[in-house]
Amino acid sequence: MPSLTRTAMLLLLAAPLTAPLHAAPPAGTPEQRAVRAFAAAKKAGPLDLHAFLVGMPKGADLHMHLSGAIYAETFLKDAARDKLCIDVDTLSFSKNDKGPECGAGMAPAAEVFKNQHLYDQMIDSFSMRAFVPSTGVSGHDQFFATFGRYGGTSKDHAGEWLDEVATRAAAQNEQYLEIMNTPTLANAGRLAGGVRWPAAPAVIADYGQDITGTNTAELSKLRDQLLAGGLRDDIAADQKDFASALASRNEIEHCGTPAATPACSVQIKFLFQILRQNAPQFVFAQTLLAFEVASSNPDVVGLNFVQPEDAYLAMSEYTRQMRMVDFLHGLYPAVHISLHAGEVVPGMVAPEGVRFHIRQAVDLGHAERIGHGVDVMYEDDPGKLLKELASRHVMVEINLTSNDGILGVKPPFHPLPDYLAAHVPVALSTDDEGVSRIDLTHEYVRAATEFNLGYLDLKTMARASIEHSFLQGASLWAQPDVFTRAVPACAASPLGSETPAAACLAYLKANTRAAQEWELEHRFKVFESNL
C-alpha cells in the first residue's frame, strides 16, 4: 500500500528524519556537536543554515551537465572573445560569417558590457533568473530553450568551463564531479545517416509499444555495419576532446605546481551524453559509440541519455532505446550506466507515460543510478519498484531546484520522502546549476528546509554520492550503503586517518572509489572537529 508509506513519511516531516532513520551518535563526539550545530543553524533560519552547510563535506555531484553548469556571465565573456554576434530579437548567439560587422538585427557580443539592459536580458535569456511562467511559456520551455541560445559558444572553452565548476565545487567542500558531456559525433552521425533501421518503426507510436528492429540478430547486424563503416574512428577524436579539456583545466588551475589552486583537489570524470531525440539508427550509433568510448577511455566512466524526457521521440522511442542499451550492455558489461528516467509528471504527458520509465531503465537499461526519478509513485506497482531499487542499491540523483523549475514539483508532491522511507539510496545534485543559478549548497539547504532533513541525513547522502560514483575499484564499506563498518583491510584504522595502516593504505591505492570515500571521512573528521 504505497499511499500509506507516503502518508507515514509525510507525518515524519513534522520531526527531523534523523530520529527514525539514524542511531544517535554518542554524546559529546564531534559528530554529535555537528548535529547540534546544524540544528541551531537551521532554527536560526536559511541564511545561517547556508553558512553552516557551505563548508560541510558533500562528496560528489553525480548529475551535472557541463553545458548547463556554466553561468551566463561566462558565456557572454567567451562570446565576446570569439567575436560572436547577438540576435537582439531572440537574445541568442549567432556566428558571424559576414566579416567584421554583425548584420541587421545583430549586435557584437562585446556590446553587452556597454549596455546594461542587454546584459541583463542575455543573462535572463540564458537562465531561469527572473523567469515567470506565462501563457504558452512554462518553466520547462524556458529551461530547455536556454541551451540553444548559447549553443554557438566554442567548445575550445571547455577547459575554462571545467575550471569554473571545479572552483565552485572546491569552495563548497566537494571532491568529485561526474560531468555529462557530448563529444564529437561526426562520424557516428554520418554512418547512421547511411543505414536503415532493421525494420521500419511505426509512423505514430504509442508510449513504449513499438520495439521493431530490436531483436538480437537485428541489432548485431546493425552494430557490425556501423563498426565496419568506421564508427571507431570517432574514439580518438572523442578522447582528444576529453583529454584536451582536462589538460586545459589543469593548466588554468596550475595543478601539480606550488601555485595550484584549491580546484585541483576536485577530481573530474565524464559521462558520455547520448541525445535521445533522434531516429533510432542515430540513437543506436551514439549509444554504441558511448559504450566503445567508455570501454577504452578511463576519463569516461559511463553513459547517460539526455534531452527532455517528455518529447515525442523520447516518449515513443523509450522502450526501443532501453532495448538498445540492454543489447549493448550484454557486449560491454563493464560500462557503467546512469539514466534520466521519471523526469515526467501527470499532465505533462498522458497517464500511460508515467507508468514505466524507471522500471524499464532498471530492468532493461541496467541503470545503476536513476536521474530525477520524479514519477516513481505513478509507476506500476510503485511499492514493488521502490523495494527493487533498494534491494539492488540503485541510487537516485535528486535535483530539487531542477524538478521545481522544469516540472513544477516540490513538497508535498516530490517523492524524496518515499525514497527515504523505502531506504533507496539518494544523493543531491545540481543538474544544470548555471541555468538554475544555484550551487550544491543551495540544494542541501533546500533539502534540509523543505523536507526537514537532519545533519545525519545529509551526511548519509554525501557518503552515498561517492559510494555510487563510477570511480574505479571497490568500496570502502563492508556492506553496500551501510556506512558503519569499513572493509577488513581498513577496519583497524580510524576512518579518515591521515596515517592508515599498511594494509588499508594498499587497499586505498588499489581502489580509487575507496580512496575518495576515505578522503570524505577525513573531511568530515576535520569539519566536525572544528565546530
Protein backbone atom coordinates (compact mmCIF):
# COMPACT_ATOMS: atom_id res chain seq x y z
CA MET A 1 0.00 0.00 0.00
CA PRO A 2 2.25 2.80 -1.25
CA SER A 3 -0.14 5.54 -0.15
CA LEU A 4 0.32 4.51 3.49
CA THR A 5 4.08 4.64 3.06
CA ARG A 6 3.86 8.18 1.77
CA THR A 7 1.39 9.26 4.44
CA ALA A 8 3.62 7.90 7.15
CA MET A 9 6.62 9.62 5.65
CA LEU A 10 4.86 12.94 5.35
CA LEU A 11 3.87 12.73 9.02
CA LEU A 12 7.53 12.27 9.85
CA LEU A 13 8.26 15.63 8.28
CA ALA A 14 6.94 17.14 11.49
CA ALA A 15 10.14 15.87 13.15
CA PRO A 16 13.72 15.55 11.86
CA LEU A 17 14.21 12.46 9.74
CA THR A 18 17.38 11.70 11.66
CA ALA A 19 15.29 10.35 14.54
CA PRO A 20 13.73 7.35 12.75
CA LEU A 21 16.47 6.71 10.22
CA HIS A 22 19.69 7.01 12.23
CA ALA A 23 21.04 5.91 15.57
CA ALA A 24 22.06 8.96 17.58
CA PRO A 25 25.84 9.39 17.72
CA PRO A 26 27.46 9.20 21.17
CA ALA A 27 27.02 12.38 23.19
CA GLY A 28 30.00 14.69 23.15
CA THR A 29 31.54 13.34 19.95
CA PRO A 30 32.45 15.72 17.13
CA GLU A 31 29.60 14.25 15.08
CA GLN A 32 27.10 14.96 17.88
CA ARG A 33 28.39 18.52 18.14
CA ALA A 34 27.83 18.84 14.38
CA VAL A 35 24.26 17.58 14.81
CA ARG A 36 23.62 20.26 17.44
CA ALA A 37 25.34 23.00 15.43
CA PHE A 38 23.29 22.09 12.37
CA ALA A 39 20.06 22.14 14.40
CA ALA A 40 20.92 25.57 15.81
CA ALA A 41 21.71 26.95 12.35
CA LYS A 42 18.51 25.50 10.94
CA LYS A 43 16.47 27.04 13.75
CA ALA A 44 18.12 30.42 13.15
CA GLY A 45 16.99 30.43 9.51
CA PRO A 46 18.06 29.59 5.96
CA LEU A 47 20.90 32.11 5.85
CA ASP A 48 22.53 30.66 8.96
CA LEU A 49 21.89 27.19 7.61
CA HIS A 50 23.60 28.09 4.34
CA ALA A 51 26.59 29.46 6.25
CA PHE A 52 26.85 26.14 8.09
CA LEU A 53 26.34 23.92 5.05
CA VAL A 54 28.69 25.67 2.62
CA GLY A 55 31.65 24.13 4.46
CA MET A 56 30.08 20.74 5.07
CA PRO A 57 31.76 17.95 3.07
CA LYS A 58 29.43 16.99 0.25
CA GLY A 59 31.31 14.24 -1.56
CA ALA A 60 30.26 14.27 -5.21
CA ASP A 61 27.89 15.90 -7.63
CA LEU A 62 26.94 13.00 -9.88
CA HIS A 63 24.31 14.68 -12.04
CA MET A 64 25.78 17.70 -13.80
CA HIS A 65 25.58 18.67 -17.47
CA LEU A 66 28.63 20.70 -18.47
CA SER A 67 26.74 22.95 -20.88
CA GLY A 68 24.11 23.71 -18.23
CA ALA A 69 26.54 24.12 -15.35
CA ILE A 70 28.17 27.27 -16.71
CA TYR A 71 26.80 30.62 -15.63
CA ALA A 72 25.60 33.02 -18.32
CA GLU A 73 28.25 35.57 -17.41
CA THR A 74 30.95 33.14 -18.57
CA PHE A 75 29.24 32.51 -21.88
CA LEU A 76 28.99 36.25 -22.51
CA LYS A 77 32.73 36.69 -21.92
CA ASP A 78 33.53 33.75 -24.18
CA ALA A 79 31.26 35.07 -26.92
CA ALA A 80 32.96 38.45 -26.81
CA ARG A 81 36.39 36.81 -27.12
CA ASP A 82 35.13 34.70 -30.03
CA LYS A 83 33.60 37.76 -31.71
CA LEU A 84 30.14 36.22 -31.86
CA CYS A 85 27.05 38.25 -32.61
CA ILE A 86 23.84 38.52 -30.61
CA ASP A 87 20.44 38.28 -32.22
CA VAL A 88 18.70 41.04 -30.28
CA ASP A 89 15.24 39.64 -31.06
CA THR A 90 15.85 36.06 -29.91
CA LEU A 91 18.55 37.01 -27.36
CA SER A 92 20.79 34.23 -28.60
CA PHE A 93 24.29 33.89 -30.03
CA SER A 94 24.96 33.77 -33.73
CA LYS A 95 28.23 33.10 -35.51
CA ASN A 96 29.43 35.98 -37.62
CA ASP A 97 30.24 34.69 -41.10
CA LYS A 98 29.91 38.01 -42.91
CA GLY A 99 33.07 39.81 -41.94
CA PRO A 100 33.95 42.14 -39.08
CA GLU A 101 30.46 43.65 -38.73
CA CYS A 102 27.35 41.95 -37.39
CA GLY A 103 24.35 42.05 -39.70
CA ALA A 104 20.98 43.72 -39.33
CA GLY A 105 19.22 42.89 -36.09
CA MET A 106 22.53 41.77 -34.60
CA ALA A 107 24.94 43.27 -32.11
CA PRO A 108 28.53 42.28 -31.29
CA ALA A 109 28.63 40.13 -28.17
CA ALA A 110 31.06 42.60 -26.64
CA GLU A 111 28.28 45.18 -26.73
CA VAL A 112 26.66 43.63 -23.65
CA PHE A 113 29.43 45.05 -21.48
CA LYS A 114 28.46 48.56 -22.55
CA ASN A 115 24.70 48.04 -22.44
CA GLN A 116 23.35 47.03 -19.02
CA HIS A 117 19.85 46.41 -20.33
CA LEU A 118 21.11 43.99 -23.00
CA TYR A 119 23.44 42.37 -20.46
CA ASP A 120 20.51 41.69 -18.13
CA GLN A 121 18.36 40.44 -20.98
CA MET A 122 21.02 37.96 -22.06
CA ILE A 123 21.51 36.55 -18.57
CA ASP A 124 17.75 36.14 -18.22
CA SER A 125 17.59 34.51 -21.66
CA PHE A 126 20.34 32.03 -20.75
CA SER A 127 18.90 31.04 -17.37
CA MET A 128 15.90 30.81 -15.07
CA ARG A 129 16.76 34.15 -13.46
CA ALA A 130 13.71 36.37 -13.14
CA PHE A 131 11.65 33.89 -15.17
CA VAL A 132 7.90 33.97 -14.56
CA PRO A 133 5.75 31.42 -16.41
CA SER A 134 3.22 32.94 -18.77
CA THR A 135 0.60 31.70 -21.19
CA GLY A 136 2.32 29.32 -23.57
CA VAL A 137 5.77 29.56 -21.94
CA SER A 138 6.37 27.25 -18.98
CA GLY A 139 9.43 26.75 -16.80
CA HIS A 140 10.08 23.62 -18.85
CA ASP A 141 10.06 25.67 -22.06
CA GLN A 142 12.41 28.34 -20.72
CA PHE A 143 14.80 25.83 -19.16
CA PHE A 144 15.36 23.75 -22.27
CA ALA A 145 15.33 26.75 -24.62
CA THR A 146 18.41 28.20 -22.92
CA PHE A 147 20.74 25.56 -24.37
CA GLY A 148 20.08 26.56 -27.96
CA ARG A 149 20.54 30.25 -27.19
CA TYR A 150 24.16 29.96 -26.08
CA GLY A 151 24.86 26.89 -28.19
CA GLY A 152 27.16 28.67 -30.63
CA THR A 153 29.88 29.07 -28.00
CA SER A 154 33.08 27.26 -28.99
CA LYS A 155 33.96 24.06 -27.16
CA ASP A 156 37.52 25.35 -27.15
CA HIS A 157 36.50 26.92 -23.84
CA ALA A 158 35.80 23.51 -22.26
CA GLY A 159 38.88 23.67 -20.03
CA GLU A 160 37.77 27.06 -18.73
CA TRP A 161 34.30 25.63 -18.06
CA LEU A 162 35.75 22.69 -16.14
CA ASP A 163 37.77 25.13 -14.08
CA GLU A 164 34.61 27.10 -13.31
CA VAL A 165 32.68 24.10 -12.00
CA ALA A 166 35.71 22.70 -10.14
CA THR A 167 36.41 26.04 -8.49
CA ARG A 168 32.80 26.35 -7.40
CA ALA A 169 32.84 22.76 -6.13
CA ALA A 170 36.05 23.24 -4.15
CA ALA A 171 34.59 26.31 -2.45
CA GLN A 172 31.75 24.12 -1.16
CA ASN A 173 33.89 21.20 0.03
CA GLU A 174 33.04 18.90 -2.87
CA GLN A 175 35.72 16.49 -4.02
CA TYR A 176 34.44 14.69 -7.13
CA LEU A 177 32.35 15.55 -10.19
CA GLU A 178 30.89 13.23 -12.81
CA ILE A 179 30.11 15.56 -15.67
CA MET A 180 27.84 14.71 -18.58
CA ASN A 181 29.14 15.92 -21.92
CA THR A 182 28.55 15.12 -25.58
CA PRO A 183 31.82 14.74 -27.52
CA THR A 184 32.38 14.55 -31.27
CA LEU A 185 29.67 12.56 -33.07
CA ALA A 186 30.51 13.49 -36.65
CA ASN A 187 31.44 10.05 -37.92
CA ALA A 188 28.74 8.26 -35.95
CA GLY A 189 26.15 10.65 -37.33
CA ARG A 190 27.39 10.22 -40.89
CA LEU A 191 27.30 6.45 -40.62
CA ALA A 192 23.86 6.42 -39.02
CA GLY A 193 22.57 8.55 -41.88
CA GLY A 194 23.67 5.86 -44.32
CA VAL A 195 21.98 2.87 -42.71
CA ARG A 196 18.38 1.89 -42.31
CA TRP A 197 16.75 0.70 -39.13
CA PRO A 198 16.32 -3.09 -39.45
CA ALA A 199 12.52 -2.80 -39.52
CA ALA A 200 10.51 0.32 -40.25
CA PRO A 201 9.35 1.97 -36.99
CA ALA A 202 5.72 2.90 -36.63
CA VAL A 203 4.96 6.35 -38.02
CA ILE A 204 2.82 7.12 -34.97
CA ALA A 205 3.73 5.06 -31.91
CA ASP A 206 2.08 4.67 -28.53
CA TYR A 207 4.23 5.05 -25.44
CA GLY A 208 6.64 2.14 -25.23
CA GLN A 209 4.78 -0.08 -27.68
CA ASP A 210 6.99 -0.03 -30.79
CA ILE A 211 10.06 -2.26 -30.45
CA THR A 212 10.57 -3.22 -34.09
CA GLY A 213 14.17 -3.79 -35.09
CA THR A 214 15.44 -4.62 -31.62
CA ASN A 215 15.91 -8.37 -31.58
CA THR A 216 19.44 -9.62 -31.05
CA ALA A 217 20.06 -10.60 -34.66
CA GLU A 218 18.88 -7.23 -35.99
CA LEU A 219 20.93 -5.17 -33.54
CA SER A 220 24.00 -7.36 -34.05
CA LYS A 221 23.83 -6.80 -37.79
CA LEU A 222 23.43 -3.04 -37.35
CA ARG A 223 26.37 -2.91 -34.95
CA ASP A 224 28.53 -4.82 -37.42
CA GLN A 225 27.58 -2.36 -40.18
CA LEU A 226 28.49 0.67 -38.07
CA LEU A 227 31.79 -0.79 -36.91
CA ALA A 228 32.71 -1.88 -40.43
CA GLY A 229 31.95 1.62 -41.65
CA GLY A 230 34.48 3.12 -39.24
CA LEU A 231 32.48 4.19 -36.20
CA ARG A 232 35.53 3.55 -34.02
CA ASP A 233 37.29 6.37 -35.87
CA ASP A 234 35.40 8.75 -33.55
CA ILE A 235 37.04 7.24 -30.47
CA ALA A 236 40.36 9.04 -30.98
CA ALA A 237 38.62 12.36 -31.63
CA ASP A 238 36.46 11.95 -28.55
CA GLN A 239 39.45 11.01 -26.42
CA LYS A 240 41.17 14.17 -27.64
CA ASP A 241 38.10 16.26 -26.72
CA PHE A 242 38.06 14.99 -23.15
CA ALA A 243 41.84 14.98 -22.68
CA SER A 244 42.37 18.49 -24.04
CA ALA A 245 39.62 19.88 -21.81
CA LEU A 246 41.18 18.28 -18.74
CA ALA A 247 44.67 19.42 -19.71
CA SER A 248 43.46 22.98 -20.21
CA ARG A 249 41.69 22.91 -16.86
CA ASN A 250 44.86 21.68 -15.15
CA GLU A 251 46.89 24.44 -16.80
CA ILE A 252 44.42 27.14 -15.73
CA GLU A 253 44.50 25.86 -12.15
CA HIS A 254 48.31 25.31 -12.11
CA CYS A 255 47.74 21.74 -10.92
CA GLY A 256 50.89 19.88 -9.92
CA THR A 257 52.77 23.10 -9.14
CA PRO A 258 53.31 25.13 -5.95
CA ALA A 259 50.75 27.62 -7.31
CA ALA A 260 47.98 25.01 -7.59
CA THR A 261 44.53 26.38 -6.81
CA PRO A 262 42.09 24.60 -4.45
CA ALA A 263 40.11 23.50 -7.51
CA CYS A 264 42.85 20.97 -8.32
CA SER A 265 41.63 18.87 -5.40
CA VAL A 266 38.35 18.20 -7.23
CA GLN A 267 38.58 15.04 -9.33
CA ILE A 268 36.63 15.09 -12.60
CA LYS A 269 35.39 12.22 -14.73
CA PHE A 270 32.90 12.24 -17.61
CA LEU A 271 29.69 10.53 -18.64
CA PHE A 272 29.07 10.24 -22.38
CA GLN A 273 25.80 12.02 -23.20
CA ILE A 274 23.53 10.34 -25.75
CA LEU A 275 20.97 12.59 -27.46
CA ARG A 276 17.73 10.62 -27.42
CA GLN A 277 15.55 12.90 -29.53
CA ASN A 278 16.67 11.27 -32.75
CA ALA A 279 15.65 8.49 -35.12
CA PRO A 280 16.56 5.03 -33.79
CA GLN A 281 19.58 4.46 -36.03
CA PHE A 282 21.14 7.72 -34.80
CA VAL A 283 20.47 6.87 -31.15
CA PHE A 284 21.89 3.39 -31.63
CA ALA A 285 25.04 4.75 -33.29
CA GLN A 286 25.57 7.22 -30.44
CA THR A 287 24.95 4.55 -27.83
CA LEU A 288 27.34 2.12 -29.50
CA LEU A 289 29.99 4.84 -29.64
CA ALA A 290 29.37 5.67 -25.97
CA PHE A 291 29.95 2.05 -24.96
CA GLU A 292 33.09 1.90 -27.11
CA VAL A 293 34.50 5.15 -25.68
CA ALA A 294 33.69 4.27 -22.08
CA SER A 295 35.37 0.88 -22.59
CA SER A 296 38.62 2.43 -23.76
CA ASN A 297 38.95 5.84 -22.08
CA PRO A 298 39.50 5.95 -18.30
CA ASP A 299 38.32 9.57 -18.22
CA VAL A 300 34.86 8.44 -19.37
CA VAL A 301 33.32 6.32 -16.64
CA GLY A 302 29.86 5.70 -18.06
CA LEU A 303 26.98 6.96 -20.18
CA ASN A 304 23.59 8.63 -19.91
CA PHE A 305 20.65 9.59 -22.13
CA VAL A 306 19.70 13.27 -22.21
CA GLN A 307 17.18 15.76 -23.67
CA PRO A 308 13.59 16.30 -22.48
CA GLU A 309 12.01 13.01 -21.48
CA ASP A 310 8.52 14.25 -22.35
CA ALA A 311 9.38 15.00 -26.00
CA TYR A 312 7.62 12.87 -28.63
CA LEU A 313 10.64 10.85 -29.72
CA ALA A 314 11.88 10.39 -26.16
CA MET A 315 8.47 9.01 -25.18
CA SER A 316 7.59 6.96 -28.25
CA GLU A 317 11.11 5.54 -28.61
CA TYR A 318 11.71 4.93 -24.90
CA THR A 319 11.31 1.15 -24.85
CA ARG A 320 13.22 0.72 -28.12
CA GLN A 321 16.07 2.77 -26.67
CA MET A 322 16.13 0.72 -23.46
CA ARG A 323 16.32 -2.44 -25.57
CA MET A 324 19.32 -0.95 -27.40
CA VAL A 325 21.04 -0.40 -24.05
CA ASP A 326 20.10 -3.91 -22.94
CA PHE A 327 21.70 -5.40 -26.06
CA LEU A 328 24.89 -3.35 -25.81
CA HIS A 329 25.21 -3.92 -22.07
CA GLY A 330 25.48 -7.63 -22.86
CA LEU A 331 28.51 -6.90 -25.05
CA TYR A 332 30.10 -4.27 -22.78
CA PRO A 333 29.07 -5.36 -19.25
CA ALA A 334 31.77 -3.33 -17.50
CA VAL A 335 30.46 0.03 -18.75
CA HIS A 336 28.55 1.94 -16.07
CA ILE A 337 25.06 3.23 -16.82
CA SER A 338 23.10 6.12 -15.31
CA LEU A 339 19.83 7.07 -16.97
CA HIS A 340 17.48 10.02 -16.86
CA ALA A 341 14.18 8.35 -16.02
CA GLY A 342 10.96 9.57 -14.47
CA GLU A 343 11.54 13.24 -15.28
CA VAL A 344 7.88 13.45 -16.25
CA VAL A 345 4.68 14.06 -14.30
CA PRO A 346 0.95 13.61 -14.95
CA GLY A 347 -0.41 16.35 -17.15
CA MET A 348 2.91 16.87 -18.86
CA VAL A 349 2.35 13.53 -20.60
CA ALA A 350 -0.65 11.23 -20.83
CA PRO A 351 -1.23 8.92 -17.83
CA GLU A 352 0.31 6.00 -19.72
CA GLY A 353 3.57 7.92 -19.99
CA VAL A 354 4.34 7.93 -16.26
CA ARG A 355 3.89 4.22 -15.64
CA PHE A 356 7.10 2.52 -16.78
CA HIS A 357 10.18 4.69 -17.36
CA ILE A 358 12.04 3.99 -14.11
CA ARG A 359 11.11 0.31 -14.23
CA GLN A 360 12.43 -0.11 -17.77
CA ALA A 361 15.56 1.94 -17.05
CA VAL A 362 16.46 -0.53 -14.32
CA ASP A 363 15.21 -3.80 -15.81
CA LEU A 364 16.08 -3.20 -19.47
CA GLY A 365 18.57 -0.36 -19.28
CA HIS A 366 20.59 -1.87 -16.41
CA ALA A 367 20.77 1.56 -14.77
CA GLU A 368 22.94 1.68 -11.67
CA ARG A 369 21.68 5.18 -10.99
CA ILE A 370 18.48 7.00 -11.92
CA GLY A 371 18.45 10.71 -12.66
CA HIS A 372 15.41 12.55 -11.24
CA GLY A 373 13.00 9.63 -10.68
CA VAL A 374 10.13 12.03 -10.03
CA ASP A 375 7.33 9.85 -11.39
CA VAL A 376 8.10 6.83 -9.18
CA MET A 377 4.80 6.88 -7.26
CA TYR A 378 2.84 6.96 -10.54
CA GLU A 379 4.61 3.92 -11.99
CA ASP A 380 3.00 0.48 -11.99
CA ASP A 381 3.25 -1.08 -8.52
CA PRO A 382 5.42 1.68 -7.01
CA GLY A 383 5.88 -0.18 -3.73
CA LYS A 384 7.45 -3.12 -5.51
CA LEU A 385 9.58 -0.79 -7.62
CA LEU A 386 10.89 1.02 -4.53
CA LYS A 387 11.77 -2.29 -2.90
CA GLU A 388 13.65 -3.35 -6.02
CA LEU A 389 15.58 -0.09 -6.18
CA ALA A 390 16.55 -0.52 -2.54
CA SER A 391 17.49 -4.19 -2.79
CA ARG A 392 19.54 -3.63 -5.95
CA HIS A 393 21.15 -0.50 -4.48
CA VAL A 394 20.12 1.68 -7.42
CA MET A 395 20.79 5.25 -6.37
CA VAL A 396 18.53 8.16 -7.32
CA GLU A 397 20.11 11.50 -8.21
CA ILE A 398 17.85 14.12 -6.59
CA ASN A 399 17.65 17.51 -8.36
CA LEU A 400 15.26 19.61 -6.28
CA THR A 401 15.54 23.01 -7.97
CA SER A 402 15.51 21.48 -11.43
CA ASN A 403 12.39 19.45 -10.59
CA ASP A 404 10.68 22.59 -9.33
CA GLY A 405 11.66 24.75 -12.30
CA ILE A 406 11.02 22.23 -15.08
CA LEU A 407 8.25 20.04 -13.69
CA GLY A 408 6.69 22.32 -11.09
CA VAL A 409 7.25 19.59 -8.49
CA LYS A 410 8.07 20.39 -4.87
CA PRO A 411 6.80 19.21 -1.47
CA PRO A 412 4.43 17.56 -0.79
CA PHE A 413 4.46 16.16 -4.33
CA HIS A 414 8.16 15.34 -4.54
CA PRO A 415 8.98 11.63 -3.97
CA LEU A 416 12.14 12.17 -1.90
CA PRO A 417 10.29 11.11 1.30
CA ASP A 418 9.16 7.92 -0.43
CA TYR A 419 12.71 7.06 -1.45
CA LEU A 420 13.97 7.71 2.07
CA ALA A 421 11.19 5.64 3.65
CA ALA A 422 11.98 2.73 1.33
CA HIS A 423 15.73 3.01 2.05
CA VAL A 424 16.56 3.71 -1.58
CA PRO A 425 19.99 5.38 -1.69
CA VAL A 426 19.79 9.02 -2.77
CA ALA A 427 22.21 11.90 -3.26
CA LEU A 428 21.64 15.55 -4.02
CA SER A 429 22.90 17.02 -7.29
CA THR A 430 22.58 20.23 -9.27
CA ASP A 431 21.62 19.10 -12.81
CA ASP A 432 22.29 22.46 -14.54
CA GLU A 433 23.48 24.87 -11.89
CA GLY A 434 24.27 27.64 -14.36
CA VAL A 435 20.80 27.59 -15.88
CA SER A 436 19.14 27.35 -12.46
CA ARG A 437 21.54 29.91 -10.90
CA ILE A 438 22.26 27.67 -7.90
CA ASP A 439 25.00 25.50 -6.43
CA LEU A 440 25.08 22.25 -4.45
CA THR A 441 24.93 24.07 -1.11
CA HIS A 442 21.64 25.58 -2.25
CA GLU A 443 20.29 22.06 -2.79
CA TYR A 444 21.44 20.99 0.67
CA VAL A 445 19.68 23.97 2.23
CA ARG A 446 16.57 23.25 0.23
CA ALA A 447 16.55 19.57 1.26
CA ALA A 448 17.01 20.44 4.91
CA THR A 449 14.30 23.10 5.00
CA GLU A 450 11.67 21.70 2.63
CA PHE A 451 11.97 18.07 3.77
CA ASN A 452 13.09 18.70 7.35
CA LEU A 453 16.24 16.64 6.93
CA GLY A 454 18.82 16.49 9.69
CA TYR A 455 22.59 16.61 9.62
CA LEU A 456 22.93 12.83 9.59
CA ASP A 457 20.53 12.55 6.65
CA LEU A 458 22.67 14.93 4.62
CA LYS A 459 25.84 13.16 5.73
CA THR A 460 24.41 9.85 4.51
CA MET A 461 23.59 11.44 1.15
CA ALA A 462 27.13 12.79 0.82
CA ARG A 463 28.52 9.34 1.57
CA ALA A 464 26.12 7.77 -0.93
CA SER A 465 27.35 10.14 -3.63
CA ILE A 466 30.86 8.66 -3.52
CA GLU A 467 29.62 5.12 -2.82
CA HIS A 468 27.57 5.22 -6.03
CA SER A 469 30.11 7.04 -8.16
CA PHE A 470 31.53 5.23 -11.15
CA LEU A 471 35.09 5.61 -9.92
CA GLN A 472 37.46 2.69 -10.40
CA GLY A 473 37.61 -0.02 -7.79
CA ALA A 474 35.79 -1.34 -4.77
CA SER A 475 34.07 0.45 -1.92
CA LEU A 476 35.50 1.38 1.46
CA TRP A 477 32.44 -0.07 3.16
CA ALA A 478 31.91 -3.72 4.10
CA GLN A 479 28.23 -3.61 3.09
CA PRO A 480 26.64 -1.52 0.33
CA ASP A 481 25.00 1.64 1.67
CA VAL A 482 25.82 0.77 5.29
CA PHE A 483 28.30 3.42 6.36
CA THR A 484 29.26 1.99 9.74
CA ARG A 485 31.94 -0.62 9.09
CA ALA A 486 34.90 -0.49 6.72
CA VAL A 487 36.24 -3.43 4.73
CA PRO A 488 38.59 -5.74 6.70
CA ALA A 489 41.71 -4.13 5.22
CA CYS A 490 40.76 -0.79 6.77
CA ALA A 491 38.70 -1.89 9.78
CA ALA A 492 41.58 -1.39 12.22
CA SER A 493 42.36 2.17 11.09
CA PRO A 494 40.36 5.18 12.35
CA LEU A 495 38.11 6.33 9.50
CA GLY A 496 39.68 9.18 7.58
CA SER A 497 43.01 8.91 9.37
CA GLU A 498 45.98 10.59 7.71
CA THR A 499 48.06 7.52 8.56
CA PRO A 500 46.06 4.39 7.74
CA ALA A 501 47.64 1.00 8.41
CA ALA A 502 49.76 -0.51 5.65
CA ALA A 503 47.05 -2.95 4.55
CA CYS A 504 44.49 -0.16 4.38
CA LEU A 505 46.84 2.14 2.51
CA ALA A 506 47.46 -0.58 -0.07
CA TYR A 507 43.70 -1.10 -0.44
CA LEU A 508 43.10 2.62 -0.93
CA LYS A 509 45.85 2.82 -3.55
CA ALA A 510 44.28 -0.07 -5.46
CA ASN A 511 40.70 1.28 -5.30
CA THR A 512 40.07 4.88 -6.31
CA ARG A 513 36.49 4.83 -5.07
CA ALA A 514 37.55 3.66 -1.62
CA ALA A 515 40.28 6.30 -1.57
CA GLN A 516 37.75 9.04 -2.28
CA GLU A 517 35.47 7.63 0.44
CA TRP A 518 38.40 7.71 2.86
CA GLU A 519 39.04 11.31 1.86
CA LEU A 520 35.40 12.16 2.55
CA GLU A 521 35.66 10.63 6.03
CA HIS A 522 38.79 12.70 6.63
CA ARG A 523 36.94 15.83 5.58
CA PHE A 524 34.06 15.02 7.92
CA LYS A 525 36.55 14.49 10.73
CA VAL A 526 38.12 17.90 10.12
CA PHE A 527 34.79 19.68 9.63
CA GLU A 528 33.15 18.25 12.74
CA SER A 529 36.21 18.73 14.94
CA ASN A 530 36.36 22.43 14.08
CA LEU A 531 32.76 23.20 15.06
